[in-house]
């Protein structure tokens, strides 16, 4: 299994350092623009909540980028976590590959 060594940038890091800070935008103001609770934005920024398709679409609408941008960040972080967590990796490696003739 191919293993990525460098931990990818998380949604929380990207949102905080590349979007909120440069735009001088608070979590509360972002929540208002998205029409969600400040708690949701705070949990995204702290990587305590994963980006869903709906959230990605809202972030894309607010910042003028694509939903895929946000979903890709989430997916890369999720894959890295799965490949670097011993318990999860042990379970994953129990999967039996198909043998093709």
PDB file of N, CA and C in Angstrom:
ATOM      1  N   UNK A   1       0.846  -1.182   0.000  1.00  0.00           N
ATOM      2  CA  UNK A   1       0.000   0.000   0.000  1.00  0.00           C
ATOM      3  C   UNK A   1       0.889   1.242   0.000  1.00  0.00           C
ATOM      4  N   UNK A   2       0.598   2.162  -0.903  1.00  0.00           N
ATOM      5  CA  UNK A   2       1.338   3.415  -1.008  1.00  0.00           C
ATOM      6  C   UNK A   2       1.049   4.276   0.216  1.00  0.00           C
ATOM      7  N   UNK A   3       2.110   4.760   0.857  1.00  0.00           N
ATOM      8  CA  UNK A   3       1.941   5.544   2.074  1.00  0.00           C
ATOM      9  C   UNK A   3       2.479   6.963   1.867  1.00  0.00           C
ATOM     10  N   UNK A   4       1.655   7.933   2.152  1.00  0.00           N
ATOM     11  CA  UNK A   4       2.040   9.341   2.064  1.00  0.00           C
ATOM     12  C   UNK A   4       2.715   9.710   3.378  1.00  0.00           C
ATOM     13  N   UNK A   5       3.920  10.270   3.308  1.00  0.00           N
ATOM     14  CA  UNK A   5       4.653  10.590   4.531  1.00  0.00           C
ATOM     15  C   UNK A   5       4.280  11.944   5.124  1.00  0.00           C
ATOM     16  N   UNK A   6       4.116  12.952   4.285  1.00  0.00           N
ATOM     17  CA  UNK A   6       3.805  14.288   4.796  1.00  0.00           C
ATOM     18  C   UNK A   6       2.308  14.412   5.033  1.00  0.00           C
ATOM     19  N   UNK A   7       1.976  14.818   6.240  1.00  0.00           N
ATOM     20  CA  UNK A   7       0.560  15.000   6.559  1.00  0.00           C
ATOM     21  C   UNK A   7      -0.005  16.128   5.696  1.00  0.00           C
ATOM     22  N   UNK A   8      -1.123  15.866   5.014  1.00  0.00           N
ATOM     23  CA  UNK A   8      -1.691  16.910   4.151  1.00  0.00           C
ATOM     24  C   UNK A   8      -2.301  18.050   4.963  1.00  0.00           C
ATOM     25  N   UNK A   9      -2.432  19.177   4.316  1.00  0.00           N
ATOM     26  CA  UNK A   9      -3.099  20.322   4.929  1.00  0.00           C
ATOM     27  C   UNK A   9      -4.547  19.945   5.204  1.00  0.00           C
ATOM     28  N   UNK A  10      -4.996  20.240   6.399  1.00  0.00           N
ATOM     29  CA  UNK A  10      -6.372  19.910   6.767  1.00  0.00           C
ATOM     30  C   UNK A  10      -7.319  21.029   6.353  1.00  0.00           C
ATOM     31  N   UNK A  11      -8.589  20.712   6.339  1.00  0.00           N
ATOM     32  CA  UNK A  11      -9.612  21.717   6.055  1.00  0.00           C
ATOM     33  C   UNK A  11      -9.497  22.862   7.059  1.00  0.00           C
ATOM     34  N   UNK A  12      -9.330  22.533   8.324  1.00  0.00           N
ATOM     35  CA  UNK A  12      -9.231  23.557   9.357  1.00  0.00           C
ATOM     36  C   UNK A  12      -8.060  24.496   9.149  1.00  0.00           C
ATOM     37  N   UNK A  13      -6.899  23.929   8.802  1.00  0.00           N
ATOM     38  CA  UNK A  13      -5.717  24.757   8.546  1.00  0.00           C
ATOM     39  C   UNK A  13      -5.938  25.659   7.336  1.00  0.00           C
ATOM     40  N   UNK A  14      -6.457  25.078   6.269  1.00  0.00           N
ATOM     41  CA  UNK A  14      -6.696  25.847   5.044  1.00  0.00           C
ATOM     42  C   UNK A  14      -7.719  26.954   5.299  1.00  0.00           C
ATOM     43  N   UNK A  15      -8.811  26.600   5.933  1.00  0.00           N
ATOM     44  CA  UNK A  15      -9.872  27.565   6.189  1.00  0.00           C
ATOM     45  C   UNK A  15      -9.366  28.716   7.052  1.00  0.00           C
ATOM     46  N   UNK A  16      -8.649  28.389   8.109  1.00  0.00           N
ATOM     47  CA  UNK A  16      -8.157  29.409   9.033  1.00  0.00           C
ATOM     48  C   UNK A  16      -7.071  30.281   8.420  1.00  0.00           C
ATOM     49  N   UNK A  17      -6.021  29.641   7.890  1.00  0.00           N
ATOM     50  CA  UNK A  17      -4.825  30.387   7.477  1.00  0.00           C
ATOM     51  C   UNK A  17      -4.872  30.951   6.062  1.00  0.00           C
ATOM     52  N   UNK A  18      -5.653  30.345   5.187  1.00  0.00           N
ATOM     53  CA  UNK A  18      -5.679  30.806   3.797  1.00  0.00           C
ATOM     54  C   UNK A  18      -6.963  31.546   3.425  1.00  0.00           C
ATOM     55  N   UNK A  19      -7.963  31.489   4.298  1.00  0.00           N
ATOM     56  CA  UNK A  19      -9.232  32.147   3.978  1.00  0.00           C
ATOM     57  C   UNK A  19      -9.669  33.119   5.071  1.00  0.00           C
ATOM     58  N   UNK A  20      -9.850  32.652   6.289  1.00  0.00           N
ATOM     59  CA  UNK A  20     -10.340  33.555   7.336  1.00  0.00           C
ATOM     60  C   UNK A  20      -9.346  34.679   7.625  1.00  0.00           C
ATOM     61  N   UNK A  21      -8.097  34.329   7.902  1.00  0.00           N
ATOM     62  CA  UNK A  21      -7.107  35.349   8.262  1.00  0.00           C
ATOM     63  C   UNK A  21      -6.867  36.364   7.139  1.00  0.00           C
ATOM     64  N   UNK A  22      -6.605  35.928   5.899  1.00  0.00           N
ATOM     65  CA  UNK A  22      -6.370  36.923   4.839  1.00  0.00           C
ATOM     66  C   UNK A  22      -7.569  37.832   4.556  1.00  0.00           C
ATOM     67  N   UNK A  23      -8.779  37.308   4.726  1.00  0.00           N
ATOM     68  CA  UNK A  23      -9.981  38.106   4.496  1.00  0.00           C
ATOM     69  C   UNK A  23     -10.428  38.847   5.757  1.00  0.00           C
ATOM     70  N   UNK A  24      -9.644  38.700   6.842  1.00  0.00           N
ATOM     71  CA  UNK A  24      -9.992  39.311   8.124  1.00  0.00           C
ATOM     72  C   UNK A  24     -11.434  38.974   8.499  1.00  0.00           C
ATOM     73  N   UNK A  25     -11.760  37.694   8.371  1.00  0.00           N
ATOM     74  CA  UNK A  25     -13.114  37.197   8.581  1.00  0.00           C
ATOM     75  C   UNK A  25     -13.138  36.321   9.829  1.00  0.00           C
ATOM     76  N   UNK A  26     -14.036  36.609  10.748  1.00  0.00           N
ATOM     77  CA  UNK A  26     -14.157  35.791  11.958  1.00  0.00           C
ATOM     78  C   UNK A  26     -14.962  34.532  11.658  1.00  0.00           C
ATOM     79  N   UNK A  27     -14.837  33.562  12.526  1.00  0.00           N
ATOM     80  CA  UNK A  27     -15.632  32.342  12.397  1.00  0.00           C
ATOM     81  C   UNK A  27     -17.121  32.675  12.448  1.00  0.00           C
ATOM     82  N   UNK A  28     -17.493  33.602  13.310  1.00  0.00           N
ATOM     83  CA  UNK A  28     -18.899  33.994  13.446  1.00  0.00           C
ATOM     84  C   UNK A  28     -19.420  34.625  12.157  1.00  0.00           C
ATOM     85  N   UNK A  29     -18.621  35.507  11.552  1.00  0.00           N
ATOM     86  CA  UNK A  29     -19.036  36.146  10.297  1.00  0.00           C
ATOM     87  C   UNK A  29     -19.148  35.120   9.171  1.00  0.00           C
ATOM     88  N   UNK A  30     -18.215  34.162   9.137  1.00  0.00           N
ATOM     89  CA  UNK A  30     -18.308  33.113   8.122  1.00  0.00           C
ATOM     90  C   UNK A  30     -19.577  32.299   8.333  1.00  0.00           C
ATOM     91  N   UNK A  31     -19.872  31.966   9.581  1.00  0.00           N
ATOM     92  CA  UNK A  31     -21.089  31.204   9.884  1.00  0.00           C
ATOM     93  C   UNK A  31     -22.329  31.953   9.398  1.00  0.00           C
ATOM     94  N   UNK A  32     -22.360  33.265   9.623  1.00  0.00           N
ATOM     95  CA  UNK A  32     -23.494  34.075   9.159  1.00  0.00           C
ATOM     96  C   UNK A  32     -23.615  34.020   7.640  1.00  0.00           C
ATOM     97  N   UNK A  33     -22.498  34.158   6.940  1.00  0.00           N
ATOM     98  CA  UNK A  33     -22.516  34.128   5.472  1.00  0.00           C
ATOM     99  C   UNK A  33     -22.940  32.761   4.938  1.00  0.00           C
ATOM    100  N   UNK A  34     -22.569  31.705   5.670  1.00  0.00           N
ATOM    101  CA  UNK A  34     -22.922  30.346   5.251  1.00  0.00           C
ATOM    102  C   UNK A  34     -24.340  29.972   5.662  1.00  0.00           C
ATOM    103  N   UNK A  35     -24.883  30.671   6.658  1.00  0.00           N
ATOM    104  CA  UNK A  35     -26.207  30.330   7.175  1.00  0.00           C
ATOM    105  C   UNK A  35     -26.181  29.110   8.078  1.00  0.00           C
ATOM    106  N   UNK A  36     -25.066  28.965   8.811  1.00  0.00           N
ATOM    107  CA  UNK A  36     -24.908  27.830   9.731  1.00  0.00           C
ATOM    108  C   UNK A  36     -24.547  28.361  11.112  1.00  0.00           C
ATOM    109  N   UNK A  37     -24.463  27.466  12.069  1.00  0.00           N
ATOM    110  CA  UNK A  37     -24.109  27.878  13.427  1.00  0.00           C
ATOM    111  C   UNK A  37     -22.609  28.165  13.529  1.00  0.00           C
ATOM    112  N   UNK A  38     -22.240  29.098  14.398  1.00  0.00           N
ATOM    113  CA  UNK A  38     -20.818  29.343  14.632  1.00  0.00           C
ATOM    114  C   UNK A  38     -20.093  28.081  15.122  1.00  0.00           C
ATOM    115  N   UNK A  39     -20.813  27.227  15.820  1.00  0.00           N
ATOM    116  CA  UNK A  39     -20.213  25.985  16.311  1.00  0.00           C
ATOM    117  C   UNK A  39     -19.721  25.116  15.149  1.00  0.00           C
ATOM    118  N   UNK A  40     -20.515  25.025  14.087  1.00  0.00           N
ATOM    119  CA  UNK A  40     -20.107  24.228  12.928  1.00  0.00           C
ATOM    120  C   UNK A  40     -18.796  24.754  12.355  1.00  0.00           C
ATOM    121  N   UNK A  41     -18.696  26.052  12.166  1.00  0.00           N
ATOM    122  CA  UNK A  41     -17.475  26.642  11.614  1.00  0.00           C
ATOM    123  C   UNK A  41     -16.307  26.427  12.567  1.00  0.00           C
ATOM    124  N   UNK A  42     -16.530  26.604  13.853  1.00  0.00           N
ATOM    125  CA  UNK A  42     -15.473  26.384  14.836  1.00  0.00           C
ATOM    126  C   UNK A  42     -14.974  24.944  14.792  1.00  0.00           C
ATOM    127  N   UNK A  43     -15.882  24.003  14.682  1.00  0.00           N
ATOM    128  CA  UNK A  43     -15.490  22.593  14.618  1.00  0.00           C
ATOM    129  C   UNK A  43     -14.744  22.285  13.323  1.00  0.00           C
ATOM    130  N   UNK A  44     -15.113  22.924  12.228  1.00  0.00           N
ATOM    131  CA  UNK A  44     -14.355  22.767  10.984  1.00  0.00           C
ATOM    132  C   UNK A  44     -12.936  23.299  11.163  1.00  0.00           C
ATOM    133  N   UNK A  45     -12.817  24.476  11.753  1.00  0.00           N
ATOM    134  CA  UNK A  45     -11.507  25.101  11.941  1.00  0.00           C
ATOM    135  C   UNK A  45     -10.607  24.290  12.869  1.00  0.00           C
ATOM    136  N   UNK A  46     -11.204  23.586  13.813  1.00  0.00           N
ATOM    137  CA  UNK A  46     -10.423  22.764  14.750  1.00  0.00           C
ATOM    138  C   UNK A  46     -10.315  21.312  14.287  1.00  0.00           C
ATOM    139  N   UNK A  47     -10.767  21.028  13.084  1.00  0.00           N
ATOM    140  CA  UNK A  47     -10.745  19.666  12.526  1.00  0.00           C
ATOM    141  C   UNK A  47     -11.509  18.673  13.391  1.00  0.00           C
ATOM    142  N   UNK A  48     -12.578  19.137  13.999  1.00  0.00           N
ATOM    143  CA  UNK A  48     -13.441  18.277  14.813  1.00  0.00           C
ATOM    144  C   UNK A  48     -14.679  17.851  14.043  1.00  0.00           C
ATOM    145  N   UNK A  49     -14.855  18.400  12.850  1.00  0.00           N
ATOM    146  CA  UNK A  49     -16.001  18.069  12.004  1.00  0.00           C
ATOM    147  C   UNK A  49     -15.490  17.943  10.574  1.00  0.00           C
ATOM    148  N   UNK A  50     -15.971  16.925   9.897  1.00  0.00           N
ATOM    149  CA  UNK A  50     -15.576  16.708   8.505  1.00  0.00           C
ATOM    150  C   UNK A  50     -16.451  17.547   7.574  1.00  0.00           C
ATOM    151  N   UNK A  51     -15.878  17.915   6.453  1.00  0.00           N
ATOM    152  CA  UNK A  51     -16.631  18.642   5.433  1.00  0.00           C
ATOM    153  C   UNK A  51     -17.573  17.676   4.729  1.00  0.00           C
ATOM    154  N   UNK A  52     -18.833  18.045   4.658  1.00  0.00           N
ATOM    155  CA  UNK A  52     -19.829  17.277   3.907  1.00  0.00           C
ATOM    156  C   UNK A  52     -20.019  17.939   2.545  1.00  0.00           C
ATOM    157  N   UNK A  53     -20.757  17.290   1.680  1.00  0.00           N
ATOM    158  CA  UNK A  53     -21.044  17.882   0.368  1.00  0.00           C
ATOM    159  C   UNK A  53     -21.755  19.226   0.533  1.00  0.00           C
ATOM    160  N   UNK A  54     -22.727  19.292   1.441  1.00  0.00           N
ATOM    161  CA  UNK A  54     -23.463  20.545   1.662  1.00  0.00           C
ATOM    162  C   UNK A  54     -22.536  21.653   2.151  1.00  0.00           C
ATOM    163  N   UNK A  55     -21.691  21.323   3.125  1.00  0.00           N
ATOM    164  CA  UNK A  55     -20.761  22.312   3.665  1.00  0.00           C
ATOM    165  C   UNK A  55     -19.783  22.765   2.589  1.00  0.00           C
ATOM    166  N   UNK A  56     -19.293  21.828   1.793  1.00  0.00           N
ATOM    167  CA  UNK A  56     -18.365  22.168   0.710  1.00  0.00           C
ATOM    168  C   UNK A  56     -19.018  23.126  -0.283  1.00  0.00           C
ATOM    169  N   UNK A  57     -20.274  22.883  -0.597  1.00  0.00           N
ATOM    170  CA  UNK A  57     -20.991  23.773  -1.518  1.00  0.00           C
ATOM    171  C   UNK A  57     -21.158  25.171  -0.928  1.00  0.00           C
ATOM    172  N   UNK A  58     -21.429  25.251   0.372  1.00  0.00           N
ATOM    173  CA  UNK A  58     -21.566  26.562   1.017  1.00  0.00           C
ATOM    174  C   UNK A  58     -20.231  27.299   1.054  1.00  0.00           C
ATOM    175  N   UNK A  59     -19.156  26.596   1.427  1.00  0.00           N
ATOM    176  CA  UNK A  59     -17.829  27.220   1.457  1.00  0.00           C
ATOM    177  C   UNK A  59     -17.441  27.709   0.064  1.00  0.00           C
ATOM    178  N   UNK A  60     -17.715  26.901  -0.940  1.00  0.00           N
ATOM    179  CA  UNK A  60     -17.396  27.278  -2.318  1.00  0.00           C
ATOM    180  C   UNK A  60     -18.163  28.527  -2.737  1.00  0.00           C
ATOM    181  N   UNK A  61     -19.405  28.601  -2.334  1.00  0.00           N
ATOM    182  CA  UNK A  61     -20.233  29.769  -2.682  1.00  0.00           C
ATOM    183  C   UNK A  61     -19.702  31.028  -1.999  1.00  0.00           C
ATOM    184  N   UNK A  62     -19.332  30.915  -0.728  1.00  0.00           N
ATOM    185  CA  UNK A  62     -18.824  32.073   0.015  1.00  0.00           C
ATOM    186  C   UNK A  62     -17.485  32.546  -0.554  1.00  0.00           C
ATOM    187  N   UNK A  63     -16.567  31.607  -0.810  1.00  0.00           N
ATOM    188  CA  UNK A  63     -15.205  31.986  -1.192  1.00  0.00           C
ATOM    189  C   UNK A  63     -14.946  32.000  -2.699  1.00  0.00           C
ATOM    190  N   UNK A  64     -15.935  31.583  -3.493  1.00  0.00           N
ATOM    191  CA  UNK A  64     -15.772  31.652  -4.938  1.00  0.00           C
ATOM    192  C   UNK A  64     -14.852  30.596  -5.523  1.00  0.00           C
ATOM    193  N   UNK A  65     -14.727  29.473  -4.834  1.00  0.00           N
ATOM    194  CA  UNK A  65     -13.955  28.365  -5.397  1.00  0.00           C
ATOM    195  C   UNK A  65     -14.895  27.179  -5.588  1.00  0.00           C
ATOM    196  N   UNK A  66     -14.359  25.984  -5.713  1.00  0.00           N
ATOM    197  CA  UNK A  66     -15.218  24.828  -5.993  1.00  0.00           C
ATOM    198  C   UNK A  66     -15.466  23.988  -4.748  1.00  0.00           C
ATOM    199  N   UNK A  67     -16.593  23.314  -4.745  1.00  0.00           N
ATOM    200  CA  UNK A  67     -16.886  22.368  -3.666  1.00  0.00           C
ATOM    201  C   UNK A  67     -15.853  21.251  -3.671  1.00  0.00           C
ATOM    202  N   UNK A  68     -15.396  20.873  -4.863  1.00  0.00           N
ATOM    203  CA  UNK A  68     -14.404  19.803  -4.981  1.00  0.00           C
ATOM    204  C   UNK A  68     -13.111  20.162  -4.256  1.00  0.00           C
ATOM    205  N   UNK A  69     -12.744  21.437  -4.249  1.00  0.00           N
ATOM    206  CA  UNK A  69     -11.560  21.893  -3.521  1.00  0.00           C
ATOM    207  C   UNK A  69     -11.645  21.476  -2.056  1.00  0.00           C
ATOM    208  N   UNK A  70     -12.779  21.747  -1.418  1.00  0.00           N
ATOM    209  CA  UNK A  70     -12.963  21.442   0.000  1.00  0.00           C
ATOM    210  C   UNK A  70     -13.072  19.940   0.239  1.00  0.00           C
ATOM    211  N   UNK A  71     -13.769  19.249  -0.657  1.00  0.00           N
ATOM    212  CA  UNK A  71     -13.913  17.796  -0.514  1.00  0.00           C
ATOM    213  C   UNK A  71     -12.580  17.085  -0.724  1.00  0.00           C
ATOM    214  N   UNK A  72     -11.755  17.580  -1.645  1.00  0.00           N
ATOM    215  CA  UNK A  72     -10.432  16.983  -1.852  1.00  0.00           C
ATOM    216  C   UNK A  72      -9.558  17.128  -0.616  1.00  0.00           C
ATOM    217  N   UNK A  73      -9.583  18.303   0.009  1.00  0.00           N
ATOM    218  CA  UNK A  73      -8.827  18.491   1.251  1.00  0.00           C
ATOM    219  C   UNK A  73      -9.259  17.478   2.301  1.00  0.00           C
ATOM    220  N   UNK A  74     -10.568  17.318   2.451  1.00  0.00           N
ATOM    221  CA  UNK A  74     -11.098  16.382   3.443  1.00  0.00           C
ATOM    222  C   UNK A  74     -10.675  14.954   3.114  1.00  0.00           C
ATOM    223  N   UNK A  75     -10.798  14.587   1.850  1.00  0.00           N
ATOM    224  CA  UNK A  75     -10.464  13.224   1.436  1.00  0.00           C
ATOM    225  C   UNK A  75      -8.985  12.913   1.662  1.00  0.00           C
ATOM    226  N   UNK A  76      -8.109  13.842   1.325  1.00  0.00           N
ATOM    227  CA  UNK A  76      -6.674  13.624   1.529  1.00  0.00           C
ATOM    228  C   UNK A  76      -6.352  13.460   3.010  1.00  0.00           C
ATOM    229  N   UNK A  77      -6.957  14.280   3.851  1.00  0.00           N
ATOM    230  CA  UNK A  77      -6.733  14.169   5.295  1.00  0.00           C
ATOM    231  C   UNK A  77      -7.273  12.846   5.832  1.00  0.00           C
ATOM    232  N   UNK A  78      -8.447  12.441   5.367  1.00  0.00           N
ATOM    233  CA  UNK A  78      -9.045  11.172   5.810  1.00  0.00           C
ATOM    234  C   UNK A  78      -8.171   9.986   5.422  1.00  0.00           C
ATOM    235  N   UNK A  79      -7.677   9.976   4.182  1.00  0.00           N
ATOM    236  CA  UNK A  79      -6.820   8.878   3.730  1.00  0.00           C
ATOM    237  C   UNK A  79      -5.518   8.830   4.519  1.00  0.00           C
ATOM    238  N   UNK A  80      -4.924   9.993   4.768  1.00  0.00           N
ATOM    239  CA  UNK A  80      -3.682  10.038   5.535  1.00  0.00           C
ATOM    240  C   UNK A  80      -3.905   9.473   6.937  1.00  0.00           C
ATOM    241  N   UNK A  81      -4.994   9.890   7.577  1.00  0.00           N
ATOM    242  CA  UNK A  81      -5.302   9.384   8.920  1.00  0.00           C
ATOM    243  C   UNK A  81      -5.479   7.869   8.911  1.00  0.00           C
ATOM    244  N   UNK A  82      -6.185   7.348   7.914  1.00  0.00           N
ATOM    245  CA  UNK A  82      -6.414   5.903   7.826  1.00  0.00           C
ATOM    246  C   UNK A  82      -5.101   5.149   7.635  1.00  0.00           C
ATOM    247  N   UNK A  83      -4.193   5.714   6.856  1.00  0.00           N
ATOM    248  CA  UNK A  83      -2.930   5.031   6.567  1.00  0.00           C
ATOM    249  C   UNK A  83      -1.888   5.193   7.670  1.00  0.00           C
ATOM    250  N   UNK A  84      -2.152   6.052   8.640  1.00  0.00           N
ATOM    251  CA  UNK A  84      -1.184   6.283   9.712  1.00  0.00           C
ATOM    252  C   UNK A  84      -1.720   5.939  11.096  1.00  0.00           C
ATOM    253  N   UNK A  85      -2.855   5.308  11.160  1.00  0.00           N
ATOM    254  CA  UNK A  85      -3.435   4.867  12.430  1.00  0.00           C
ATOM    255  C   UNK A  85      -3.286   3.351  12.492  1.00  0.00           C
ATOM    256  N   UNK A  86      -2.490   2.872  13.436  1.00  0.00           N
ATOM    257  CA  UNK A  86      -2.153   1.443  13.504  1.00  0.00           C
ATOM    258  C   UNK A  86      -3.391   0.555  13.585  1.00  0.00           C
ATOM    259  N   UNK A  87      -4.352   0.914  14.415  1.00  0.00           N
ATOM    260  CA  UNK A  87      -5.559   0.077  14.551  1.00  0.00           C
ATOM    261  C   UNK A  87      -6.359   0.032  13.259  1.00  0.00           C
ATOM    262  N   UNK A  88      -6.527   1.170  12.650  1.00  0.00           N
ATOM    263  CA  UNK A  88      -7.281   1.209  11.393  1.00  0.00           C
ATOM    264  C   UNK A  88      -6.533   0.461  10.293  1.00  0.00           C
ATOM    265  N   UNK A  89      -5.221   0.653  10.231  1.00  0.00           N
ATOM    266  CA  UNK A  89      -4.416  -0.001   9.209  1.00  0.00           C
ATOM    267  C   UNK A  89      -4.450  -1.517   9.368  1.00  0.00           C
ATOM    268  N   UNK A  90      -4.418  -1.980  10.604  1.00  0.00           N
ATOM    269  CA  UNK A  90      -4.496  -3.419  10.863  1.00  0.00           C
ATOM    270  C   UNK A  90      -5.803  -3.986  10.310  1.00  0.00           C
ATOM    271  N   UNK A  91      -6.889  -3.294  10.543  1.00  0.00           N
ATOM    272  CA  UNK A  91      -8.195  -3.737  10.050  1.00  0.00           C
ATOM    273  C   UNK A  91      -8.249  -3.691   8.522  1.00  0.00           C
ATOM    274  N   UNK A  92      -7.703  -2.646   7.947  1.00  0.00           N
ATOM    275  CA  UNK A  92      -7.696  -2.489   6.491  1.00  0.00           C
ATOM    276  C   UNK A  92      -6.885  -3.600   5.831  1.00  0.00           C
ATOM    277  N   UNK A  93      -5.749  -3.935   6.426  1.00  0.00           N
ATOM    278  CA  UNK A  93      -4.873  -4.945   5.836  1.00  0.00           C
ATOM    279  C   UNK A  93      -5.447  -6.356   5.923  1.00  0.00           C
ATOM    280  N   UNK A  94      -6.511  -6.537   6.673  1.00  0.00           N
ATOM    281  CA  UNK A  94      -7.189  -7.838   6.730  1.00  0.00           C
ATOM    282  C   UNK A  94      -8.060  -8.072   5.498  1.00  0.00           C
ATOM    283  N   UNK A  95      -8.331  -7.034   4.739  1.00  0.00           N
ATOM    284  CA  UNK A  95      -9.135  -7.174   3.522  1.00  0.00           C
ATOM    285  C   UNK A  95      -8.389  -8.076   2.545  1.00  0.00           C
ATOM    286  N   UNK A  96      -9.106  -9.019   1.963  1.00  0.00           N
ATOM    287  CA  UNK A  96      -8.515 -10.006   1.056  1.00  0.00           C
ATOM    288  C   UNK A  96      -8.652  -9.550  -0.395  1.00  0.00           C
ATOM    289  N   UNK A  97      -7.520  -9.340  -1.070  1.00  0.00           N
ATOM    290  CA  UNK A  97      -7.590  -8.943  -2.479  1.00  0.00           C
ATOM    291  C   UNK A  97      -8.152 -10.065  -3.347  1.00  0.00           C
ATOM    292  N   UNK A  98      -8.865  -9.700  -4.382  1.00  0.00           N
ATOM    293  CA  UNK A  98      -9.337 -10.671  -5.366  1.00  0.00           C
ATOM    294  C   UNK A  98      -8.154 -11.125  -6.211  1.00  0.00           C
ATOM    295  N   UNK A  99      -8.187 -12.379  -6.604  1.00  0.00           N
ATOM    296  CA  UNK A  99      -7.153 -12.896  -7.506  1.00  0.00           C
ATOM    297  C   UNK A  99      -7.781 -13.085  -8.872  1.00  0.00           C
ATOM    298  N   UNK A 100      -7.226 -12.400  -9.852  1.00  0.00           N
ATOM    299  CA  UNK A 100      -7.757 -12.478 -11.209  1.00  0.00           C
ATOM    300  C   UNK A 100      -6.928 -13.453 -12.027  1.00  0.00           C
ATOM    301  N   UNK A 101      -7.619 -14.294 -12.788  1.00  0.00           N
ATOM    302  CA  UNK A 101      -6.925 -15.306 -13.600  1.00  0.00           C
ATOM    303  C   UNK A 101      -6.408 -14.726 -14.881  1.00  0.00           C
TER     304      UNK A 101
END
